[in-house]
């Protein structure tokens, strides 16, 4: 499987978030990991436009919304809201 990192971020709490483009599936994968806490969340969605020179605005916005939701789910799992 060929994947390319589209963006990555680590927040103040230590959650590592990245968005990958999966060339084989023509999809984006948003991954959130809480290192040291053993929590991971991931979700994929099909691309709107092929990211030849970067993500389309629609794909970027969807990846950010997905990442925010996954981080919120992890916060709830840890007892934080």
PDB file of N, CA and C in Angstrom:
ATOM      1  N   UNK A   1       0.835  -1.177   0.000  1.00  0.00           N
ATOM      2  CA  UNK A   1       0.000   0.000   0.000  1.00  0.00           C
ATOM      3  C   UNK A   1       0.880   1.240   0.000  1.00  0.00           C
ATOM      4  N   UNK A   2       0.609   2.127  -0.887  1.00  0.00           N
ATOM      5  CA  UNK A   2       1.364   3.367  -0.966  1.00  0.00           C
ATOM      6  C   UNK A   2       0.571   4.490  -0.310  1.00  0.00           C
ATOM      7  N   UNK A   3       1.193   5.110   0.689  1.00  0.00           N
ATOM      8  CA  UNK A   3       0.525   6.185   1.416  1.00  0.00           C
ATOM      9  C   UNK A   3       1.442   7.399   1.481  1.00  0.00           C
ATOM     10  N   UNK A   4       0.830   8.576   1.472  1.00  0.00           N
ATOM     11  CA  UNK A   4       1.576   9.829   1.584  1.00  0.00           C
ATOM     12  C   UNK A   4       0.946  10.657   2.695  1.00  0.00           C
ATOM     13  N   UNK A   5       1.799  11.270   3.517  1.00  0.00           N
ATOM     14  CA  UNK A   5       1.296  12.136   4.576  1.00  0.00           C
ATOM     15  C   UNK A   5       0.856  13.457   3.967  1.00  0.00           C
ATOM     16  N   UNK A   6      -0.398  13.820   4.234  1.00  0.00           N
ATOM     17  CA  UNK A   6      -0.937  15.084   3.742  1.00  0.00           C
ATOM     18  C   UNK A   6      -0.742  16.193   4.781  1.00  0.00           C
ATOM     19  N   UNK A   7      -0.935  15.862   6.052  1.00  0.00           N
ATOM     20  CA  UNK A   7      -0.644  16.787   7.146  1.00  0.00           C
ATOM     21  C   UNK A   7      -0.514  15.998   8.438  1.00  0.00           C
ATOM     22  N   UNK A   8       0.175  16.592   9.405  1.00  0.00           N
ATOM     23  CA  UNK A   8       0.350  15.970  10.719  1.00  0.00           C
ATOM     24  C   UNK A   8       0.414  17.064  11.773  1.00  0.00           C
ATOM     25  N   UNK A   9      -0.037  16.717  12.991  1.00  0.00           N
ATOM     26  CA  UNK A   9      -0.084  17.701  14.064  1.00  0.00           C
ATOM     27  C   UNK A   9      -0.041  16.973  15.407  1.00  0.00           C
ATOM     28  N   UNK A  10       0.606  17.583  16.378  1.00  0.00           N
ATOM     29  CA  UNK A  10       0.579  17.090  17.751  1.00  0.00           C
ATOM     30  C   UNK A  10       0.063  18.223  18.614  1.00  0.00           C
ATOM     31  N   UNK A  11      -0.967  17.942  19.420  1.00  0.00           N
ATOM     32  CA  UNK A  11      -1.533  19.004  20.257  1.00  0.00           C
ATOM     33  C   UNK A  11      -0.829  19.058  21.608  1.00  0.00           C
ATOM     34  N   UNK A  12      -1.208  20.019  22.426  1.00  0.00           N
ATOM     35  CA  UNK A  12      -0.561  20.238  23.717  1.00  0.00           C
ATOM     36  C   UNK A  12      -0.721  19.040  24.646  1.00  0.00           C
ATOM     37  N   UNK A  13      -1.769  18.286  24.454  1.00  0.00           N
ATOM     38  CA  UNK A  13      -2.020  17.123  25.314  1.00  0.00           C
ATOM     39  C   UNK A  13      -1.205  15.906  24.871  1.00  0.00           C
ATOM     40  N   UNK A  14      -0.628  15.968  23.690  1.00  0.00           N
ATOM     41  CA  UNK A  14       0.180  14.870  23.184  1.00  0.00           C
ATOM     42  C   UNK A  14      -0.527  13.967  22.195  1.00  0.00           C
ATOM     43  N   UNK A  15      -1.746  14.338  21.794  1.00  0.00           N
ATOM     44  CA  UNK A  15      -2.431  13.563  20.757  1.00  0.00           C
ATOM     45  C   UNK A  15      -1.752  13.841  19.416  1.00  0.00           C
ATOM     46  N   UNK A  16      -1.337  12.779  18.759  1.00  0.00           N
ATOM     47  CA  UNK A  16      -0.717  12.900  17.435  1.00  0.00           C
ATOM     48  C   UNK A  16      -1.770  12.585  16.383  1.00  0.00           C
ATOM     49  N   UNK A  17      -1.969  13.511  15.483  1.00  0.00           N
ATOM     50  CA  UNK A  17      -2.977  13.363  14.433  1.00  0.00           C
ATOM     51  C   UNK A  17      -2.290  13.495  13.085  1.00  0.00           C
ATOM     52  N   UNK A  18      -2.660  12.617  12.163  1.00  0.00           N
ATOM     53  CA  UNK A  18      -2.131  12.747  10.805  1.00  0.00           C
ATOM     54  C   UNK A  18      -3.190  12.323   9.803  1.00  0.00           C
ATOM     55  N   UNK A  19      -3.068  12.887   8.626  1.00  0.00           N
ATOM     56  CA  UNK A  19      -3.949  12.527   7.527  1.00  0.00           C
ATOM     57  C   UNK A  19      -3.073  11.984   6.404  1.00  0.00           C
ATOM     58  N   UNK A  20      -3.421  10.790   5.952  1.00  0.00           N
ATOM     59  CA  UNK A  20      -2.672  10.119   4.892  1.00  0.00           C
ATOM     60  C   UNK A  20      -3.526   9.980   3.648  1.00  0.00           C
ATOM     61  N   UNK A  21      -2.879  10.018   2.494  1.00  0.00           N
ATOM     62  CA  UNK A  21      -3.549   9.691   1.247  1.00  0.00           C
ATOM     63  C   UNK A  21      -3.163   8.273   0.887  1.00  0.00           C
ATOM     64  N   UNK A  22      -4.144   7.389   0.783  1.00  0.00           N
ATOM     65  CA  UNK A  22      -3.927   6.000   0.410  1.00  0.00           C
ATOM     66  C   UNK A  22      -4.154   5.897  -1.101  1.00  0.00           C
ATOM     67  N   UNK A  23      -3.056   5.782  -1.845  1.00  0.00           N
ATOM     68  CA  UNK A  23      -3.150   5.748  -3.304  1.00  0.00           C
ATOM     69  C   UNK A  23      -3.906   4.529  -3.819  1.00  0.00           C
ATOM     70  N   UNK A  24      -3.750   3.397  -3.155  1.00  0.00           N
ATOM     71  CA  UNK A  24      -4.398   2.171  -3.616  1.00  0.00           C
ATOM     72  C   UNK A  24      -5.920   2.257  -3.507  1.00  0.00           C
ATOM     73  N   UNK A  25      -6.406   2.804  -2.399  1.00  0.00           N
ATOM     74  CA  UNK A  25      -7.853   2.894  -2.174  1.00  0.00           C
ATOM     75  C   UNK A  25      -8.445   4.218  -2.619  1.00  0.00           C
ATOM     76  N   UNK A  26      -7.576   5.162  -3.024  1.00  0.00           N
ATOM     77  CA  UNK A  26      -8.029   6.521  -3.386  1.00  0.00           C
ATOM     78  C   UNK A  26      -8.843   7.105  -2.242  1.00  0.00           C
ATOM     79  N   UNK A  27      -8.277   7.044  -1.046  1.00  0.00           N
ATOM     80  CA  UNK A  27      -8.975   7.544   0.134  1.00  0.00           C
ATOM     81  C   UNK A  27      -7.987   8.281   1.035  1.00  0.00           C
ATOM     82  N   UNK A  28      -8.542   9.070   1.939  1.00  0.00           N
ATOM     83  CA  UNK A  28      -7.753   9.716   2.985  1.00  0.00           C
ATOM     84  C   UNK A  28      -8.017   8.966   4.279  1.00  0.00           C
ATOM     85  N   UNK A  29      -6.983   8.820   5.083  1.00  0.00           N
ATOM     86  CA  UNK A  29      -7.107   8.175   6.382  1.00  0.00           C
ATOM     87  C   UNK A  29      -6.690   9.182   7.443  1.00  0.00           C
ATOM     88  N   UNK A  30      -7.547   9.399   8.411  1.00  0.00           N
ATOM     89  CA  UNK A  30      -7.231  10.273   9.533  1.00  0.00           C
ATOM     90  C   UNK A  30      -6.953   9.372  10.728  1.00  0.00           C
ATOM     91  N   UNK A  31      -5.776   9.529  11.317  1.00  0.00           N
ATOM     92  CA  UNK A  31      -5.338   8.710  12.435  1.00  0.00           C
ATOM     93  C   UNK A  31      -5.050   9.608  13.628  1.00  0.00           C
ATOM     94  N   UNK A  32      -5.545   9.219  14.798  1.00  0.00           N
ATOM     95  CA  UNK A  32      -5.262   9.949  16.038  1.00  0.00           C
ATOM     96  C   UNK A  32      -4.710   8.942  17.041  1.00  0.00           C
ATOM     97  N   UNK A  33      -3.594   9.279  17.656  1.00  0.00           N
ATOM     98  CA  UNK A  33      -2.935   8.384  18.604  1.00  0.00           C
ATOM     99  C   UNK A  33      -2.601   9.168  19.872  1.00  0.00           C
ATOM    100  N   UNK A  34      -2.922   8.587  21.016  1.00  0.00           N
ATOM    101  CA  UNK A  34      -2.535   9.150  22.311  1.00  0.00           C
ATOM    102  C   UNK A  34      -1.397   8.294  22.838  1.00  0.00           C
ATOM    103  N   UNK A  35      -0.185   8.695  22.531  1.00  0.00           N
ATOM    104  CA  UNK A  35       0.976   7.899  22.934  1.00  0.00           C
ATOM    105  C   UNK A  35       1.039   7.777  24.444  1.00  0.00           C
ATOM    106  N   UNK A  36       1.380   6.601  24.885  1.00  0.00           N
ATOM    107  CA  UNK A  36       1.507   6.347  26.303  1.00  0.00           C
ATOM    108  C   UNK A  36       0.181   6.025  26.981  1.00  0.00           C
ATOM    109  N   UNK A  37      -0.937   6.286  26.320  1.00  0.00           N
ATOM    110  CA  UNK A  37      -2.245   5.994  26.897  1.00  0.00           C
ATOM    111  C   UNK A  37      -2.907   4.791  26.234  1.00  0.00           C
ATOM    112  N   UNK A  38      -2.326   4.326  25.135  1.00  0.00           N
ATOM    113  CA  UNK A  38      -2.850   3.149  24.457  1.00  0.00           C
ATOM    114  C   UNK A  38      -4.165   3.367  23.731  1.00  0.00           C
ATOM    115  N   UNK A  39      -4.452   4.598  23.354  1.00  0.00           N
ATOM    116  CA  UNK A  39      -5.686   4.891  22.619  1.00  0.00           C
ATOM    117  C   UNK A  39      -5.370   5.312  21.199  1.00  0.00           C
ATOM    118  N   UNK A  40      -6.083   4.723  20.261  1.00  0.00           N
ATOM    119  CA  UNK A  40      -5.958   5.082  18.847  1.00  0.00           C
ATOM    120  C   UNK A  40      -7.348   5.148  18.244  1.00  0.00           C
ATOM    121  N   UNK A  41      -7.514   6.035  17.293  1.00  0.00           N
ATOM    122  CA  UNK A  41      -8.748   6.103  16.512  1.00  0.00           C
ATOM    123  C   UNK A  41      -8.338   6.368  15.072  1.00  0.00           C
ATOM    124  N   UNK A  42      -9.110   5.815  14.137  1.00  0.00           N
ATOM    125  CA  UNK A  42      -8.833   6.021  12.720  1.00  0.00           C
ATOM    126  C   UNK A  42     -10.141   5.986  11.944  1.00  0.00           C
ATOM    127  N   UNK A  43     -10.153   6.735  10.858  1.00  0.00           N
ATOM    128  CA  UNK A  43     -11.314   6.736   9.971  1.00  0.00           C
ATOM    129  C   UNK A  43     -10.843   7.116   8.572  1.00  0.00           C
ATOM    130  N   UNK A  44     -11.459   6.494   7.572  1.00  0.00           N
ATOM    131  CA  UNK A  44     -11.124   6.770   6.173  1.00  0.00           C
ATOM    132  C   UNK A  44     -12.335   7.338   5.455  1.00  0.00           C
ATOM    133  N   UNK A  45     -12.055   8.098   4.388  1.00  0.00           N
ATOM    134  CA  UNK A  45     -13.122   8.587   3.526  1.00  0.00           C
ATOM    135  C   UNK A  45     -12.573   8.735   2.109  1.00  0.00           C
ATOM    136  N   UNK A  46     -13.421   8.568   1.093  1.00  0.00           N
ATOM    137  CA  UNK A  46     -12.958   8.667  -0.294  1.00  0.00           C
ATOM    138  C   UNK A  46     -12.573  10.102  -0.649  1.00  0.00           C
ATOM    139  N   UNK A  47     -11.587  10.240  -1.518  1.00  0.00           N
ATOM    140  CA  UNK A  47     -11.152  11.570  -1.930  1.00  0.00           C
ATOM    141  C   UNK A  47     -12.188  12.207  -2.856  1.00  0.00           C
ATOM    142  N   UNK A  48     -12.307  13.524  -2.768  1.00  0.00           N
ATOM    143  CA  UNK A  48     -13.151  14.287  -3.686  1.00  0.00           C
ATOM    144  C   UNK A  48     -12.359  14.561  -4.963  1.00  0.00           C
ATOM    145  N   UNK A  49     -11.100  14.990  -4.768  1.00  0.00           N
ATOM    146  CA  UNK A  49     -10.204  15.253  -5.891  1.00  0.00           C
ATOM    147  C   UNK A  49      -8.862  14.602  -5.607  1.00  0.00           C
ATOM    148  N   UNK A  50      -8.228  14.082  -6.647  1.00  0.00           N
ATOM    149  CA  UNK A  50      -6.913  13.491  -6.498  1.00  0.00           C
ATOM    150  C   UNK A  50      -5.938  14.558  -5.997  1.00  0.00           C
ATOM    151  N   UNK A  51      -5.210  14.271  -4.915  1.00  0.00           N
ATOM    152  CA  UNK A  51      -4.328  15.291  -4.339  1.00  0.00           C
ATOM    153  C   UNK A  51      -2.959  15.373  -5.011  1.00  0.00           C
ATOM    154  N   UNK A  52      -2.939  15.576  -6.305  1.00  0.00           N
ATOM    155  CA  UNK A  52      -1.681  15.656  -7.035  1.00  0.00           C
ATOM    156  C   UNK A  52      -0.734  16.707  -6.481  1.00  0.00           C
ATOM    157  N   UNK A  53      -1.253  17.884  -6.175  1.00  0.00           N
ATOM    158  CA  UNK A  53      -0.421  18.964  -5.641  1.00  0.00           C
ATOM    159  C   UNK A  53      -0.847  19.371  -4.231  1.00  0.00           C
ATOM    160  N   UNK A  54      -1.616  18.551  -3.586  1.00  0.00           N
ATOM    161  CA  UNK A  54      -2.105  18.851  -2.252  1.00  0.00           C
ATOM    162  C   UNK A  54      -3.578  18.497  -2.152  1.00  0.00           C
ATOM    163  N   UNK A  55      -4.097  18.615  -0.957  1.00  0.00           N
ATOM    164  CA  UNK A  55      -5.493  18.254  -0.737  1.00  0.00           C
ATOM    165  C   UNK A  55      -6.426  19.322  -1.285  1.00  0.00           C
ATOM    166  N   UNK A  56      -7.556  18.869  -1.785  1.00  0.00           N
ATOM    167  CA  UNK A  56      -8.582  19.824  -2.212  1.00  0.00           C
ATOM    168  C   UNK A  56      -9.149  20.485  -0.959  1.00  0.00           C
ATOM    169  N   UNK A  57      -9.705  21.694  -1.081  1.00  0.00           N
ATOM    170  CA  UNK A  57     -10.297  22.347   0.090  1.00  0.00           C
ATOM    171  C   UNK A  57     -11.371  21.487   0.763  1.00  0.00           C
ATOM    172  N   UNK A  58     -12.178  20.786  -0.024  1.00  0.00           N
ATOM    173  CA  UNK A  58     -13.235  19.940   0.545  1.00  0.00           C
ATOM    174  C   UNK A  58     -12.637  18.778   1.338  1.00  0.00           C
ATOM    175  N   UNK A  59     -11.610  18.131   0.793  1.00  0.00           N
ATOM    176  CA  UNK A  59     -10.962  17.023   1.496  1.00  0.00           C
ATOM    177  C   UNK A  59     -10.251  17.519   2.755  1.00  0.00           C
ATOM    178  N   UNK A  60      -9.604  18.672   2.677  1.00  0.00           N
ATOM    179  CA  UNK A  60      -8.921  19.226   3.842  1.00  0.00           C
ATOM    180  C   UNK A  60      -9.914  19.518   4.961  1.00  0.00           C
ATOM    181  N   UNK A  61     -11.024  20.171   4.629  1.00  0.00           N
ATOM    182  CA  UNK A  61     -12.026  20.479   5.647  1.00  0.00           C
ATOM    183  C   UNK A  61     -12.606  19.204   6.260  1.00  0.00           C
ATOM    184  N   UNK A  62     -12.874  18.214   5.429  1.00  0.00           N
ATOM    185  CA  UNK A  62     -13.419  16.961   5.960  1.00  0.00           C
ATOM    186  C   UNK A  62     -12.406  16.276   6.872  1.00  0.00           C
ATOM    187  N   UNK A  63     -11.130  16.304   6.505  1.00  0.00           N
ATOM    188  CA  UNK A  63     -10.118  15.659   7.335  1.00  0.00           C
ATOM    189  C   UNK A  63      -9.989  16.374   8.683  1.00  0.00           C
ATOM    190  N   UNK A  64     -10.096  17.696   8.696  1.00  0.00           N
ATOM    191  CA  UNK A  64     -10.009  18.451   9.942  1.00  0.00           C
ATOM    192  C   UNK A  64     -11.216  18.165  10.829  1.00  0.00           C
ATOM    193  N   UNK A  65     -12.407  18.145  10.234  1.00  0.00           N
ATOM    194  CA  UNK A  65     -13.622  17.818  11.008  1.00  0.00           C
ATOM    195  C   UNK A  65     -13.526  16.399  11.584  1.00  0.00           C
ATOM    196  N   UNK A  66     -13.046  15.470  10.772  1.00  0.00           N
ATOM    197  CA  UNK A  66     -12.897  14.084  11.231  1.00  0.00           C
ATOM    198  C   UNK A  66     -11.898  14.003  12.375  1.00  0.00           C
ATOM    199  N   UNK A  67     -10.762  14.686  12.231  1.00  0.00           N
ATOM    200  CA  UNK A  67      -9.750  14.679  13.290  1.00  0.00           C
ATOM    201  C   UNK A  67     -10.305  15.276  14.578  1.00  0.00           C
ATOM    202  N   UNK A  68     -11.019  16.394  14.474  1.00  0.00           N
ATOM    203  CA  UNK A  68     -11.606  17.013  15.668  1.00  0.00           C
ATOM    204  C   UNK A  68     -12.571  16.057  16.368  1.00  0.00           C
ATOM    205  N   UNK A  69     -13.381  15.366  15.590  1.00  0.00           N
ATOM    206  CA  UNK A  69     -14.336  14.428  16.170  1.00  0.00           C
ATOM    207  C   UNK A  69     -13.626  13.260  16.841  1.00  0.00           C
ATOM    208  N   UNK A  70     -12.599  12.721  16.192  1.00  0.00           N
ATOM    209  CA  UNK A  70     -11.862  11.600  16.771  1.00  0.00           C
ATOM    210  C   UNK A  70     -11.156  12.004  18.066  1.00  0.00           C
ATOM    211  N   UNK A  71     -10.593  13.207  18.106  1.00  0.00           N
ATOM    212  CA  UNK A  71      -9.953  13.693  19.333  1.00  0.00           C
ATOM    213  C   UNK A  71     -10.995  13.844  20.428  1.00  0.00           C
ATOM    214  N   UNK A  72     -12.169  14.371  20.087  1.00  0.00           N
ATOM    215  CA  UNK A  72     -13.243  14.513  21.086  1.00  0.00           C
ATOM    216  C   UNK A  72     -13.669  13.154  21.627  1.00  0.00           C
ATOM    217  N   UNK A  73     -13.772  12.161  20.749  1.00  0.00           N
ATOM    218  CA  UNK A  73     -14.122  10.808  21.199  1.00  0.00           C
ATOM    219  C   UNK A  73     -13.063  10.259  22.153  1.00  0.00           C
ATOM    220  N   UNK A  74     -11.807  10.522  21.850  1.00  0.00           N
ATOM    221  CA  UNK A  74     -10.736  10.050  22.726  1.00  0.00           C
ATOM    222  C   UNK A  74     -10.784  10.773  24.063  1.00  0.00           C
ATOM    223  N   UNK A  75     -11.059  12.068  24.053  1.00  0.00           N
ATOM    224  CA  UNK A  75     -11.188  12.810  25.309  1.00  0.00           C
ATOM    225  C   UNK A  75     -12.298  12.224  26.169  1.00  0.00           C
ATOM    226  N   UNK A  76     -13.434  11.900  25.540  1.00  0.00           N
ATOM    227  CA  UNK A  76     -14.532  11.293  26.286  1.00  0.00           C
ATOM    228  C   UNK A  76     -14.126   9.935  26.857  1.00  0.00           C
ATOM    229  N   UNK A  77     -13.374   9.157  26.086  1.00  0.00           N
ATOM    230  CA  UNK A  77     -12.915   7.862  26.559  1.00  0.00           C
ATOM    231  C   UNK A  77     -12.012   8.005  27.788  1.00  0.00           C
ATOM    232  N   UNK A  78     -11.302   9.115  27.852  1.00  0.00           N
ATOM    233  CA  UNK A  78     -10.400   9.362  28.983  1.00  0.00           C
ATOM    234  C   UNK A  78     -11.112  10.042  30.147  1.00  0.00           C
ATOM    235  N   UNK A  79     -12.398  10.363  29.959  1.00  0.00           N
ATOM    236  CA  UNK A  79     -13.153  11.004  31.027  1.00  0.00           C
ATOM    237  C   UNK A  79     -13.117  12.516  30.975  1.00  0.00           C
ATOM    238  N   UNK A  80     -12.542  13.088  29.911  1.00  0.00           N
ATOM    239  CA  UNK A  80     -12.495  14.536  29.727  1.00  0.00           C
ATOM    240  C   UNK A  80     -13.536  14.943  28.707  1.00  0.00           C
ATOM    241  N   UNK A  81     -14.082  16.133  28.857  1.00  0.00           N
ATOM    242  CA  UNK A  81     -15.091  16.596  27.903  1.00  0.00           C
ATOM    243  C   UNK A  81     -14.702  17.878  27.340  1.00  0.00           C
TER     244      UNK A  81
END
